[in-house]
């Protein structure tokens, strides 16, 4: 189907279109190289931006990393002291209380046994830790842990506790916990990361949020990717990804480890603050710039081709059109400021037109001379025929025998018909054609004036439609019409019911190649008189010359002769408006 559509499609053949196609193919490799290089650079830039985001996230959590690592080291350091004072809970509690008082980072330090009791802590008294979330997490998974706890908080909020297990040999005795407030962790975040909408939060390997937001007032749900849990992000450690936040905003997220295996930091960035938005613009530009380059190149090329080639070709084409439709007033001027090749073409056309104008003038003068001579010949033939008709008329006047007068009168009519034909020929504008309707009307008027006297009451009717014939057809047609009309005048009788006699001649076209001549006359009640038959023989002879057929009909009160003959087409080509096919007229859909 596609092949059929392509076969039926006609591609434009204009020079501008073809040049545009070639330029498009020439520019295509450059455009592809530009797109590939730009996309490659955008990917490299995107990778650099991702690395930068990871670095900015790690920098923001650097203080928290130092604080947590210090807490882990502190818990390890408190282990030997707890082992030495294990049997003296009061001394152990004094050590813990003294440690908390000497430091500002920690709000609690203590040892919790496996049964959940805590006697050695910075908080006086014996405490049951079995309901504390930190104790539950430690029981489920004994080991180093950073999680949330309710101990060490004065305002009823949870705190962040760093847990280190305490062993005596291979025996697990419990854990040492060092707690600090969420605000302490949050205060270690590095400010000025790029904007107010940049947020960094930390969470542990259990998916618990340890700290988040710059001021603690930001909604933590706005910082998290929508429909994703924090444990699922551990597989994206040290990576960046794009997702929607809970508010439906498209953001960039980065995840880096703070304490490997224990605590992680996640940064939440807008696309503009992350620098990714610039990459999107760069990729769009990578596609737009080649198109702009292509359009600009085509525009410049078309303008150059139009100025150098098309403008001069169109002007030369206009000169050829005007010359083709008959503008011979002067040779077309040679194009100025045209390229050498087009200038040579214009000069050649100028010389050709000048030669054609000269030859046409000579031919036209020769044709005019021959036309004048031919019309003079027709005029002299007409004069000679009229002279013969006049001599016959003089002879008729001196003869007393009626039959002889009738014979000479018929000869005179035939000669007069020939004279009428030649008179129409030398009076006609075109010598290669004759207006048959006008010729027959002249013959009828001449014969009526010569043969029908006043007071006879004969009514002559004509219906002659315009018909143009060549002289070879006009001569036998006029002679046949003369014979038929002579017989109609000769044998016309009363029209019946007291009406005067009538004669009718009709000429009409039945098709572009066939015409009909019909001559009718009234016969009255009396039978037709017999003649010599010469008129009928002449009618048959002239009909044969016309390659036609005759039909005779003698009904009550009328007689008709009908001639069907073939019409040769006459093509007139006026010199000023010759049939020419212009260059663009040969193309489908062209208009002029």
Protein backbone atom coordinates (compact mmCIF):
# COMPACT_ATOMS: atom_id res chain seq x y z
CA UNK A 1 0.00 0.00 0.00
CA UNK A 2 2.85 2.37 0.89
CA UNK A 3 4.54 1.59 -2.41
CA UNK A 4 1.31 2.39 -4.26
CA UNK A 5 1.06 5.74 -2.50
CA UNK A 6 4.68 6.55 -3.35
CA UNK A 7 4.15 5.53 -6.98
CA UNK A 8 1.13 7.84 -7.23
CA UNK A 9 2.92 10.76 -5.59
CA UNK A 10 4.52 13.26 -7.93
CA UNK A 11 7.46 15.03 -6.33
CA UNK A 12 7.87 18.69 -7.25
CA UNK A 13 10.45 19.24 -9.96
CA UNK A 14 11.21 22.87 -9.22
CA UNK A 15 14.83 23.93 -8.88
CA UNK A 16 14.18 25.44 -5.44
CA UNK A 17 12.65 22.22 -4.11
CA UNK A 18 15.43 20.03 -5.48
CA UNK A 19 18.12 22.32 -4.11
CA UNK A 20 16.37 22.29 -0.73
CA UNK A 21 16.37 18.49 -0.77
CA UNK A 22 20.08 18.32 -1.61
CA UNK A 23 20.92 20.85 1.10
CA UNK A 24 18.83 18.87 3.58
CA UNK A 25 20.83 15.74 2.79
CA UNK A 26 24.08 17.71 3.07
CA UNK A 27 23.15 19.21 6.43
CA UNK A 28 21.71 15.97 7.84
CA UNK A 29 25.09 14.46 8.94
CA UNK A 30 26.07 17.71 10.64
CA UNK A 31 22.73 17.82 12.44
CA UNK A 32 23.04 14.19 13.54
CA UNK A 33 26.58 14.79 14.82
CA UNK A 34 25.39 17.87 16.69
CA UNK A 35 22.49 15.96 18.27
CA UNK A 36 24.68 12.99 19.26
CA UNK A 37 27.39 15.19 20.74
CA UNK A 38 24.89 17.33 22.60
CA UNK A 39 23.11 14.27 24.03
CA UNK A 40 26.47 12.78 25.04
CA UNK A 41 27.48 16.02 26.76
CA UNK A 42 24.09 16.24 28.46
CA UNK A 43 24.52 12.69 29.80
CA UNK A 44 28.00 13.58 31.08
CA UNK A 45 26.64 16.76 32.59
CA UNK A 46 23.79 14.81 34.17
CA UNK A 47 26.26 12.36 35.67
CA UNK A 48 28.34 15.26 37.00
CA UNK A 49 25.20 16.84 38.45
CA UNK A 50 24.30 13.55 40.14
CA UNK A 51 27.79 13.28 41.64
CA UNK A 52 27.53 16.89 42.76
CA UNK A 53 24.18 16.19 44.42
CA UNK A 54 25.66 13.19 46.24
CA UNK A 55 28.56 15.37 47.38
CA UNK A 56 26.23 18.13 48.55
CA UNK A 57 24.12 15.59 50.44
CA UNK A 58 27.20 14.05 52.02
CA UNK A 59 28.46 17.51 52.95
CA UNK A 60 25.12 18.38 54.54
CA UNK A 61 25.26 15.23 56.68
CA UNK A 62 28.97 15.53 57.51
CA UNK A 63 28.31 17.00 60.99
CA UNK A 64 25.77 14.30 61.76
CA UNK A 65 28.25 11.65 60.60
CA UNK A 66 30.90 13.02 62.96
CA UNK A 67 28.41 13.18 65.83
CA UNK A 68 27.15 9.62 65.30
CA UNK A 69 30.63 8.21 64.87
CA UNK A 70 31.65 10.04 68.06
CA UNK A 71 28.67 8.51 69.84
CA UNK A 72 29.69 5.03 68.67
CA UNK A 73 33.22 5.63 69.90
CA UNK A 74 31.92 6.92 73.23
CA UNK A 75 29.74 3.82 73.69
CA UNK A 76 32.76 1.63 73.02
CA UNK A 77 34.85 3.64 75.48
CA UNK A 78 32.23 3.32 78.23
CA UNK A 79 32.22 -0.49 77.95
CA UNK A 80 35.32 -1.22 80.09
CA UNK A 81 34.13 1.18 82.82
CA UNK A 82 30.78 -0.57 82.98
CA UNK A 83 32.46 -3.99 83.21
CA UNK A 84 34.61 -2.78 86.14
CA UNK A 85 31.63 -1.31 88.07
CA UNK A 86 29.13 -3.99 87.09
CA UNK A 87 28.77 -5.03 90.74
CA UNK A 88 28.52 -1.42 91.99
CA UNK A 89 25.52 0.17 90.20
CA UNK A 90 25.92 3.47 92.13
CA UNK A 91 29.52 3.93 90.94
CA UNK A 92 28.53 2.98 87.40
CA UNK A 93 25.70 5.56 87.47
CA UNK A 94 28.12 8.22 88.72
CA UNK A 95 30.40 7.53 85.78
CA UNK A 96 27.50 7.87 83.35
CA UNK A 97 26.19 11.04 85.03
CA UNK A 98 29.65 12.61 85.09
CA UNK A 99 30.12 11.82 81.39
CA UNK A 100 26.81 13.47 80.37
CA UNK A 101 27.56 16.53 82.47
CA UNK A 102 30.98 16.98 80.82
CA UNK A 103 29.57 16.84 77.24
CA UNK A 104 26.94 18.98 75.58
CA UNK A 105 26.15 16.63 72.69
CA UNK A 106 24.60 13.81 74.66
CA UNK A 107 21.51 13.85 76.82
CA UNK A 108 21.75 10.29 78.18
CA UNK A 109 24.29 7.53 78.73
CA UNK A 110 23.61 4.20 80.40
CA UNK A 111 23.84 0.43 80.48
CA UNK A 112 20.76 -1.77 80.01
CA UNK A 113 20.77 -5.45 80.93
CA UNK A 114 19.23 -8.15 78.78
CA UNK A 115 16.27 -8.34 81.19
CA UNK A 116 15.45 -4.68 80.45
CA UNK A 117 16.56 -3.17 83.76
CA UNK A 118 18.88 -0.17 83.84
CA UNK A 119 20.60 0.78 87.07
CA UNK A 120 23.78 2.23 85.52
CA UNK A 121 22.64 5.40 83.74
CA UNK A 122 22.87 9.15 83.84
CA UNK A 123 19.24 9.22 84.97
CA UNK A 124 18.95 8.39 88.72
CA UNK A 125 17.05 5.31 89.77
CA UNK A 126 16.30 1.87 88.43
CA UNK A 127 14.45 1.88 85.10
CA UNK A 128 12.47 -0.76 83.25
CA UNK A 129 13.41 -0.50 79.54
CA UNK A 130 11.34 -3.38 78.27
CA UNK A 131 8.79 -1.03 76.69
CA UNK A 132 11.39 1.21 75.12
CA UNK A 133 11.54 0.86 71.29
CA UNK A 134 15.33 0.78 71.39
CA UNK A 135 15.33 -2.22 73.74
CA UNK A 136 12.83 -4.05 71.55
CA UNK A 137 14.93 -3.47 68.43
CA UNK A 138 18.05 -4.65 70.23
CA UNK A 139 16.34 -7.82 71.47
CA UNK A 140 15.15 -8.58 67.94
CA UNK A 141 18.57 -7.94 66.40
CA UNK A 142 21.41 -7.71 68.94
CA UNK A 143 24.22 -5.58 67.57
CA UNK A 144 25.26 -2.01 66.92
CA UNK A 145 22.16 0.09 66.35
CA UNK A 146 21.16 3.70 65.85
CA UNK A 147 17.45 4.17 66.55
CA UNK A 148 14.93 6.22 68.47
CA UNK A 149 14.22 5.97 72.18
CA UNK A 150 12.02 7.61 74.76
CA UNK A 151 14.80 7.79 77.35
CA UNK A 152 16.92 10.91 77.74
CA UNK A 153 14.15 13.26 76.56
CA UNK A 154 12.94 15.98 78.84
CA UNK A 155 10.03 17.29 76.78
CA UNK A 156 8.42 13.93 76.11
CA UNK A 157 9.74 13.63 72.58
CA UNK A 158 11.83 10.78 71.38
CA UNK A 159 15.60 10.97 71.13
CA UNK A 160 18.21 9.29 68.97
CA UNK A 161 20.19 6.62 70.76
CA UNK A 162 23.39 4.90 69.65
CA UNK A 163 23.57 1.32 70.98
CA UNK A 164 26.71 -0.80 71.33
CA UNK A 165 26.39 -4.39 72.69
CA UNK A 166 28.47 -5.21 75.79
CA UNK A 167 30.16 -8.60 75.99
CA UNK A 168 32.11 -10.33 78.74
CA UNK A 169 34.08 -12.79 76.71
CA UNK A 170 31.48 -14.45 74.53
CA UNK A 171 28.62 -13.65 76.91
CA UNK A 172 26.26 -10.79 75.92
CA UNK A 173 25.49 -8.79 78.98
CA UNK A 174 23.36 -6.05 77.44
CA UNK A 175 24.04 -2.80 75.63
CA UNK A 176 25.45 0.63 76.31
CA UNK A 177 23.33 3.46 74.96
CA UNK A 178 24.28 7.07 74.27
CA UNK A 179 21.32 9.33 73.40
CA UNK A 180 21.03 12.76 71.86
CA UNK A 181 18.14 14.94 70.80
CA UNK A 182 16.79 15.24 67.24
CA UNK A 183 17.54 18.95 67.32
CA UNK A 184 21.19 18.17 68.04
CA UNK A 185 21.40 16.03 64.92
CA UNK A 186 19.48 18.58 62.86
CA UNK A 187 21.76 21.39 63.97
CA UNK A 188 24.75 19.64 62.48
CA UNK A 189 23.28 19.85 58.95
CA UNK A 190 25.18 22.25 56.72
CA UNK A 191 22.99 25.21 55.72
CA UNK A 192 23.02 27.08 52.41
CA UNK A 193 22.78 24.09 50.07
CA UNK A 194 21.06 26.02 47.35
CA UNK A 195 17.65 27.20 48.50
CA UNK A 196 14.86 26.99 51.02
CA UNK A 197 13.27 24.09 49.18
CA UNK A 198 16.39 21.90 49.60
CA UNK A 199 15.84 19.38 52.43
CA UNK A 200 18.05 16.66 53.90
CA UNK A 201 16.88 13.95 56.28
CA UNK A 202 18.59 10.96 57.88
CA UNK A 203 17.14 7.52 58.58
CA UNK A 204 18.45 4.24 59.92
CA UNK A 205 18.58 0.83 58.32
CA UNK A 206 15.16 0.03 59.82
CA UNK A 207 13.51 2.91 57.94
CA UNK A 208 13.12 5.15 61.00
CA UNK A 209 13.62 8.86 60.42
CA UNK A 210 16.27 10.21 62.74
CA UNK A 211 16.29 13.86 61.68
CA UNK A 212 14.77 15.87 58.87
CA UNK A 213 14.16 19.38 57.59
CA UNK A 214 16.27 22.46 58.08
CA UNK A 215 14.28 23.89 60.96
CA UNK A 216 12.20 20.94 62.08
CA UNK A 217 8.99 22.54 60.85
CA UNK A 218 8.97 21.10 57.37
CA UNK A 219 6.63 18.17 56.82
CA UNK A 220 8.73 15.04 56.48
CA UNK A 221 6.21 13.56 54.04
CA UNK A 222 7.02 16.39 51.64
CA UNK A 223 10.66 15.29 51.62
CA UNK A 224 9.96 11.64 50.81
CA UNK A 225 9.30 10.18 47.35
CA UNK A 226 5.66 9.27 46.89
CA UNK A 227 4.67 5.60 47.32
CA UNK A 228 8.20 4.51 48.32
CA UNK A 229 9.34 3.23 51.72
CA UNK A 230 12.65 4.23 53.23
CA UNK A 231 14.01 0.62 53.47
CA UNK A 232 13.46 0.29 49.71
CA UNK A 233 15.84 3.22 49.18
CA UNK A 234 18.76 1.39 50.80
CA UNK A 235 19.38 -0.36 47.48
CA UNK A 236 19.83 3.09 45.90
CA UNK A 237 22.72 3.97 48.18
CA UNK A 238 25.01 6.59 46.67
CA UNK A 239 22.72 7.25 43.76
CA UNK A 240 20.18 9.78 42.55
CA UNK A 241 16.73 9.29 41.07
CA UNK A 242 13.77 11.38 39.99
CA UNK A 243 10.32 10.93 41.46
CA UNK A 244 7.24 12.81 42.64
CA UNK A 245 6.87 14.02 46.21
CA UNK A 246 3.69 13.66 48.26
CA UNK A 247 2.61 17.09 46.98
CA UNK A 248 2.95 15.91 43.36
CA UNK A 249 6.08 17.98 42.69
CA UNK A 250 8.74 16.50 40.45
CA UNK A 251 11.94 16.39 42.56
CA UNK A 252 15.41 14.88 42.48
CA UNK A 253 16.40 12.60 45.39
CA UNK A 254 19.94 11.60 46.44
CA UNK A 255 20.87 8.89 48.99
CA UNK A 256 24.31 8.58 50.65
CA UNK A 257 25.46 6.50 53.68
CA UNK A 258 26.24 8.48 56.85
CA UNK A 259 27.28 5.50 58.96
CA UNK A 260 27.58 2.58 56.55
CA UNK A 261 25.04 -0.09 57.31
CA UNK A 262 23.39 1.97 60.05
CA UNK A 263 22.43 5.51 59.03
CA UNK A 264 21.74 7.07 55.65
CA UNK A 265 21.04 10.62 54.45
CA UNK A 266 18.61 11.55 51.71
CA UNK A 267 18.52 14.93 49.96
CA UNK A 268 15.38 16.25 48.26
CA UNK A 269 15.93 18.86 45.51
CA UNK A 270 13.84 20.73 42.99
CA UNK A 271 14.91 20.26 39.37
CA UNK A 272 16.09 23.85 39.09
CA UNK A 273 18.18 23.66 42.27
CA UNK A 274 19.66 20.32 41.28
CA UNK A 275 20.77 21.59 37.86
CA UNK A 276 18.84 18.85 36.02
CA UNK A 277 16.46 21.41 34.53
CA UNK A 278 19.38 22.85 32.57
CA UNK A 279 20.03 19.40 31.16
CA UNK A 280 16.41 19.21 29.95
CA UNK A 281 16.85 22.55 28.19
CA UNK A 282 20.10 21.36 26.69
CA UNK A 283 18.43 18.23 25.28
CA UNK A 284 15.59 20.23 23.82
CA UNK A 285 18.10 22.64 22.36
CA UNK A 286 19.95 19.69 20.84
CA UNK A 287 16.87 18.97 18.74
CA UNK A 288 15.85 22.56 18.06
CA UNK A 289 19.24 23.94 17.01
CA UNK A 290 19.69 21.53 14.04
CA UNK A 291 16.19 22.43 12.86
CA UNK A 292 17.00 26.13 13.15
CA UNK A 293 20.29 25.54 11.33
CA UNK A 294 18.46 23.59 8.62
CA UNK A 295 15.81 26.29 8.17
CA UNK A 296 18.40 29.07 8.15
CA UNK A 297 20.55 27.23 5.62
CA UNK A 298 17.60 26.59 3.34
CA UNK A 299 16.51 30.22 3.61
CA UNK A 300 19.95 31.53 2.75
CA UNK A 301 20.36 29.00 -0.07
CA UNK A 302 16.94 29.77 -1.51
CA UNK A 303 17.57 33.50 -1.31
CA UNK A 304 20.91 33.06 -3.05
CA UNK A 305 19.45 30.79 -5.73
CA UNK A 306 16.52 33.13 -6.24
CA UNK A 307 18.79 36.15 -6.63
CA UNK A 308 21.29 34.38 -8.86
CA UNK A 309 19.18 31.92 -10.84
CA UNK A 310 15.42 31.77 -10.32
CA UNK A 311 14.80 35.49 -10.73
CA UNK A 312 16.54 35.57 -14.09
CA UNK A 313 14.98 32.30 -15.24
CA UNK A 314 11.49 33.59 -14.43
CA UNK A 315 12.16 36.81 -16.30
CA UNK A 316 13.47 34.82 -19.26
CA UNK A 317 10.41 32.55 -19.10
CA UNK A 318 8.15 35.61 -19.15
CA UNK A 319 9.95 36.88 -22.25
CA UNK A 320 9.47 33.49 -23.93
CA UNK A 321 5.77 33.45 -23.05
CA UNK A 322 5.17 36.91 -24.41
CA UNK A 323 7.08 36.02 -27.56
CA UNK A 324 5.18 32.73 -27.92
CA UNK A 325 1.73 34.37 -27.78
CA UNK A 326 2.64 36.84 -30.50
CA UNK A 327 4.45 39.82 -28.99
CA UNK A 328 6.75 40.72 -31.88
CA UNK A 329 7.07 44.44 -31.20
CA UNK A 330 10.78 44.12 -30.42
CA UNK A 331 13.32 41.39 -29.61
CA UNK A 332 13.39 40.53 -25.89
CA UNK A 333 16.15 42.47 -24.10
CA UNK A 334 19.23 40.68 -22.85
CA UNK A 335 19.15 40.13 -19.08
CA UNK A 336 21.41 42.39 -17.05
CA UNK A 337 23.40 41.31 -13.96
CA UNK A 338 22.65 37.65 -14.71
CA UNK A 339 25.22 34.85 -14.29
CA UNK A 340 27.30 34.13 -17.36
CA UNK A 341 25.42 30.94 -18.29
CA UNK A 342 21.99 32.56 -18.03
CA UNK A 343 23.31 35.69 -19.78
CA UNK A 344 24.48 33.52 -22.69
CA UNK A 345 21.07 31.86 -22.79
CA UNK A 346 19.33 35.25 -22.82
CA UNK A 347 21.62 36.52 -25.60
CA UNK A 348 20.93 33.37 -27.64
CA UNK A 349 17.17 33.81 -27.19
CA UNK A 350 17.49 37.49 -28.14
CA UNK A 351 19.32 36.60 -31.38
CA UNK A 352 16.86 33.80 -32.15
CA UNK A 353 13.89 36.11 -31.58
CA UNK A 354 15.46 38.80 -33.76
CA UNK A 355 16.00 36.30 -36.59
CA UNK A 356 12.44 34.94 -36.23
CA UNK A 357 10.95 38.43 -36.27
CA UNK A 358 12.91 39.25 -39.41
CA UNK A 359 11.88 36.00 -41.13
CA UNK A 360 8.26 36.36 -40.05
CA UNK A 361 8.15 39.90 -41.42
CA UNK A 362 9.52 38.62 -44.73
CA UNK A 363 7.06 35.71 -44.78
CA UNK A 364 4.16 37.97 -43.86
CA UNK A 365 5.08 40.37 -46.66
CA UNK A 366 5.25 37.45 -49.10
CA UNK A 367 1.90 36.08 -47.90
CA UNK A 368 0.29 39.50 -48.16
CA UNK A 369 1.64 39.86 -51.68
CA UNK A 370 0.33 36.43 -52.68
CA UNK A 371 -3.01 37.16 -51.02
CA UNK A 372 -3.36 40.38 -52.99
CA UNK A 373 -2.46 38.57 -56.20
CA UNK A 374 -4.91 35.73 -55.49
CA UNK A 375 -7.71 38.15 -54.69
CA UNK A 376 -6.91 39.96 -57.91
CA UNK A 377 -7.20 36.67 -59.78
CA UNK A 378 -10.56 35.93 -58.12
CA UNK A 379 -11.71 39.45 -58.95
CA UNK A 380 -10.77 39.12 -62.60
CA UNK A 381 -12.37 35.68 -62.85
CA UNK A 382 -15.54 37.16 -61.35
CA UNK A 383 -15.45 40.01 -63.86
CA UNK A 384 -14.95 37.60 -66.75
CA UNK A 385 -17.83 35.40 -65.58
CA UNK A 386 -20.08 38.43 -65.19
CA UNK A 387 -19.05 39.52 -68.71
CA UNK A 388 -19.98 36.07 -70.02
CA UNK A 389 -23.32 36.29 -68.18
CA UNK A 390 -23.94 39.71 -69.70
CA UNK A 391 -23.14 38.39 -73.21
CA UNK A 392 -25.56 35.50 -72.67
CA UNK A 393 -28.19 37.97 -71.49
CA UNK A 394 -27.68 40.04 -74.66
CA UNK A 395 -28.05 36.89 -76.74
CA UNK A 396 -31.28 36.04 -74.91
CA UNK A 397 -32.74 39.39 -75.87
CA UNK A 398 -32.19 38.86 -79.60
CA UNK A 399 -33.59 35.33 -79.70
CA UNK A 400 -37.31 34.82 -80.20
CA UNK A 401 -37.44 31.07 -79.59
CA UNK A 402 -38.72 30.36 -76.06
CA UNK A 403 -36.87 27.05 -75.60
CA UNK A 404 -33.61 28.65 -76.62
CA UNK A 405 -34.21 31.51 -74.18
CA UNK A 406 -34.91 29.02 -71.38
CA UNK A 407 -31.70 27.11 -72.08
CA UNK A 408 -29.61 30.26 -72.27
CA UNK A 409 -31.27 31.54 -69.07
CA UNK A 410 -30.22 28.37 -67.20
CA UNK A 411 -26.66 28.74 -68.53
CA UNK A 412 -26.67 32.38 -67.45
CA UNK A 413 -27.78 31.40 -63.90
CA UNK A 414 -24.95 28.86 -63.64
CA UNK A 415 -22.37 31.38 -64.81
CA UNK A 416 -23.75 33.99 -62.42
CA UNK A 417 -23.51 31.49 -59.54
CA UNK A 418 -19.84 30.93 -60.33
CA UNK A 419 -19.29 34.68 -60.44
CA UNK A 420 -20.96 35.00 -57.04
CA UNK A 421 -18.60 32.36 -55.61
CA UNK A 422 -15.51 34.22 -56.81
CA UNK A 423 -16.91 37.51 -55.59
CA UNK A 424 -17.25 35.99 -52.11
CA UNK A 425 -13.72 34.60 -52.33
CA UNK A 426 -11.97 37.89 -53.05
CA UNK A 427 -14.16 39.74 -50.55
CA UNK A 428 -13.55 37.15 -47.79
CA UNK A 429 -11.01 37.84 -45.05
CA UNK A 430 -9.64 34.29 -45.26
CA UNK A 431 -9.07 32.79 -48.70
CA UNK A 432 -9.09 29.23 -47.38
CA UNK A 433 -12.77 29.30 -46.34
CA UNK A 434 -16.18 30.45 -47.59
CA UNK A 435 -19.28 31.30 -45.58
CA UNK A 436 -21.79 28.98 -47.27
CA UNK A 437 -24.87 30.64 -45.77
CA UNK A 438 -23.86 34.07 -47.10
CA UNK A 439 -22.95 32.63 -50.51
CA UNK A 440 -26.29 30.85 -50.90
CA UNK A 441 -28.18 33.97 -49.85
CA UNK A 442 -26.40 36.02 -52.56
CA UNK A 443 -27.23 33.38 -55.18
CA UNK A 444 -30.91 33.30 -54.14
CA UNK A 445 -31.21 37.08 -54.24
CA UNK A 446 -29.55 37.20 -57.65
CA UNK A 447 -31.78 34.49 -59.13
CA UNK A 448 -34.97 35.93 -57.62
CA UNK A 449 -34.15 39.37 -59.01
CA UNK A 450 -33.40 37.93 -62.45
CA UNK A 451 -36.14 35.30 -62.75
CA UNK A 452 -39.10 36.41 -60.63
CA UNK A 453 -40.99 39.32 -62.05
CA UNK A 454 -43.27 41.65 -60.11
CA UNK A 455 -46.85 40.54 -59.54
CA UNK A 456 -46.16 36.81 -59.60
CA UNK A 457 -46.88 36.49 -55.86
CA UNK A 458 -44.09 33.95 -55.37
CA UNK A 459 -42.97 33.73 -51.74
CA UNK A 460 -39.31 32.85 -51.15
CA UNK A 461 -38.35 31.58 -47.67
CA UNK A 462 -34.82 30.88 -46.37
CA UNK A 463 -33.42 29.33 -43.18
CA UNK A 464 -29.65 29.33 -43.59
CA UNK A 465 -27.59 28.57 -40.53
CA UNK A 466 -23.94 29.69 -40.43
CA UNK A 467 -21.66 27.15 -42.11
CA UNK A 468 -18.02 27.58 -43.15
CA UNK A 469 -16.73 25.44 -46.05
CA UNK A 470 -13.55 25.14 -48.03
CA UNK A 471 -13.68 26.46 -51.64
CA UNK A 472 -13.52 22.89 -53.02
CA UNK A 473 -16.86 22.21 -51.30
CA UNK A 474 -18.40 25.65 -51.74
CA UNK A 475 -18.25 25.52 -55.58
CA UNK A 476 -20.19 22.27 -56.11
CA UNK A 477 -22.61 23.16 -53.29
CA UNK A 478 -23.42 26.54 -54.83
CA UNK A 479 -23.87 25.01 -58.29
CA UNK A 480 -26.10 22.26 -56.88
CA UNK A 481 -28.14 24.84 -54.96
CA UNK A 482 -28.44 26.88 -58.18
CA UNK A 483 -29.79 23.91 -60.11
CA UNK A 484 -32.17 22.90 -57.32
CA UNK A 485 -33.42 26.45 -56.76
CA UNK A 486 -33.84 26.95 -60.54
CA UNK A 487 -35.99 23.83 -60.73
CA UNK A 488 -37.97 24.96 -57.67
CA UNK A 489 -38.69 28.34 -59.31
CA UNK A 490 -39.48 26.67 -62.60
CA UNK A 491 -41.97 24.12 -61.24
CA UNK A 492 -43.45 26.04 -58.32
CA UNK A 493 -47.23 25.99 -58.41
CA UNK A 494 -50.12 27.19 -56.30
CA UNK A 495 -49.79 26.64 -52.59
CA UNK A 496 -53.36 25.30 -52.34
CA UNK A 497 -56.47 26.85 -50.79
CA UNK A 498 -55.88 29.97 -52.88
CA UNK A 499 -52.42 30.62 -51.35
CA UNK A 500 -49.60 31.92 -53.61
CA UNK A 501 -46.78 29.58 -54.67
CA UNK A 502 -43.71 29.32 -52.45
CA UNK A 503 -40.10 28.20 -52.54
CA UNK A 504 -38.03 27.40 -49.45
CA UNK A 505 -34.29 26.72 -48.96
CA UNK A 506 -32.87 25.39 -45.66
CA UNK A 507 -29.23 24.87 -44.62
CA UNK A 508 -28.38 23.38 -41.24
CA UNK A 509 -25.69 21.35 -39.48
CA UNK A 510 -26.66 17.97 -38.10
CA UNK A 511 -23.26 17.33 -36.51
CA UNK A 512 -19.77 18.87 -36.60
CA UNK A 513 -18.98 16.75 -39.70
CA UNK A 514 -22.33 16.60 -41.52
CA UNK A 515 -24.75 19.20 -42.95
CA UNK A 516 -28.08 19.16 -44.82
CA UNK A 517 -29.27 21.35 -47.72
CA UNK A 518 -32.99 21.17 -48.48
CA UNK A 519 -34.87 22.92 -51.30
CA UNK A 520 -38.70 22.75 -51.35
CA UNK A 521 -41.38 24.22 -53.56
CA UNK A 522 -45.15 24.09 -53.86
CA UNK A 523 -46.56 22.10 -56.82
CA UNK A 524 -50.27 22.79 -56.63
CA UNK A 525 -52.81 20.24 -57.81
CA UNK A 526 -51.43 19.81 -61.35
CA UNK A 527 -48.87 17.06 -61.99
CA UNK A 528 -45.24 18.10 -62.46
CA UNK A 529 -44.18 18.86 -66.03
CA UNK A 530 -41.45 16.77 -67.55
CA UNK A 531 -38.10 18.44 -68.27
CA UNK A 532 -34.95 17.56 -70.14
CA UNK A 533 -33.36 15.94 -67.07
CA UNK A 534 -30.16 17.99 -67.32
CA UNK A 535 -30.79 19.64 -63.94
CA UNK A 536 -31.18 16.26 -62.23
CA UNK A 537 -27.95 15.02 -63.83
CA UNK A 538 -26.07 18.10 -62.66
CA UNK A 539 -27.46 17.71 -59.13
CA UNK A 540 -26.29 14.09 -59.02
CA UNK A 541 -22.87 15.08 -60.33
CA UNK A 542 -22.42 17.87 -57.80
CA UNK A 543 -23.66 15.61 -54.97
CA UNK A 544 -21.06 13.03 -55.97
CA UNK A 545 -18.34 15.70 -55.76
CA UNK A 546 -19.56 16.54 -52.24
CA UNK A 547 -19.55 12.84 -51.30
CA UNK A 548 -23.18 13.25 -50.29
CA UNK A 549 -26.50 11.60 -50.97
CA UNK A 550 -29.71 13.16 -52.32
CA UNK A 551 -33.28 12.37 -51.37
CA UNK A 552 -36.34 13.47 -53.39
CA UNK A 553 -39.84 13.61 -51.96
CA UNK A 554 -42.93 14.43 -53.99
CA UNK A 555 -45.98 14.50 -51.75
CA UNK A 556 -49.35 16.20 -52.07
CA UNK A 557 -48.80 19.84 -53.01
CA UNK A 558 -45.02 19.95 -52.42
CA UNK A 559 -41.71 18.69 -53.80
CA UNK A 560 -38.41 18.60 -51.89
CA UNK A 561 -34.79 17.81 -52.63
CA UNK A 562 -32.62 17.00 -49.58
CA UNK A 563 -28.83 16.70 -49.72
CA UNK A 564 -26.78 15.16 -46.91
CA UNK A 565 -23.06 15.91 -47.30
CA UNK A 566 -19.90 15.68 -45.24
CA UNK A 567 -18.30 18.88 -44.00
CA UNK A 568 -14.54 19.19 -44.03
CA UNK A 569 -13.32 20.95 -40.85
CA UNK A 570 -11.92 24.39 -41.50
CA UNK A 571 -9.25 25.48 -39.01
CA UNK A 572 -8.61 29.15 -38.81
CA UNK A 573 -5.36 30.26 -37.22
CA UNK A 574 -5.22 34.02 -36.82
CA UNK A 575 -1.62 35.17 -36.99
CA UNK A 576 -1.84 37.23 -33.80
CA UNK A 577 -3.37 34.45 -31.70
CA UNK A 578 -1.76 31.22 -32.88
CA UNK A 579 -2.30 28.10 -30.83
CA UNK A 580 0.77 27.75 -28.65
CA UNK A 581 1.52 25.62 -25.60
CA UNK A 582 3.40 27.54 -22.95
CA UNK A 583 6.02 25.81 -20.88
CA UNK A 584 4.10 25.78 -17.62
CA UNK A 585 0.84 24.92 -19.36
CA UNK A 586 2.17 21.43 -19.91
CA UNK A 587 2.17 20.84 -16.16
CA UNK A 588 -1.04 19.60 -14.50
CA UNK A 589 -2.88 22.25 -12.53
CA UNK A 590 -1.16 25.20 -14.24
CA UNK A 591 -3.19 28.36 -14.74
CA UNK A 592 -2.59 31.43 -16.85
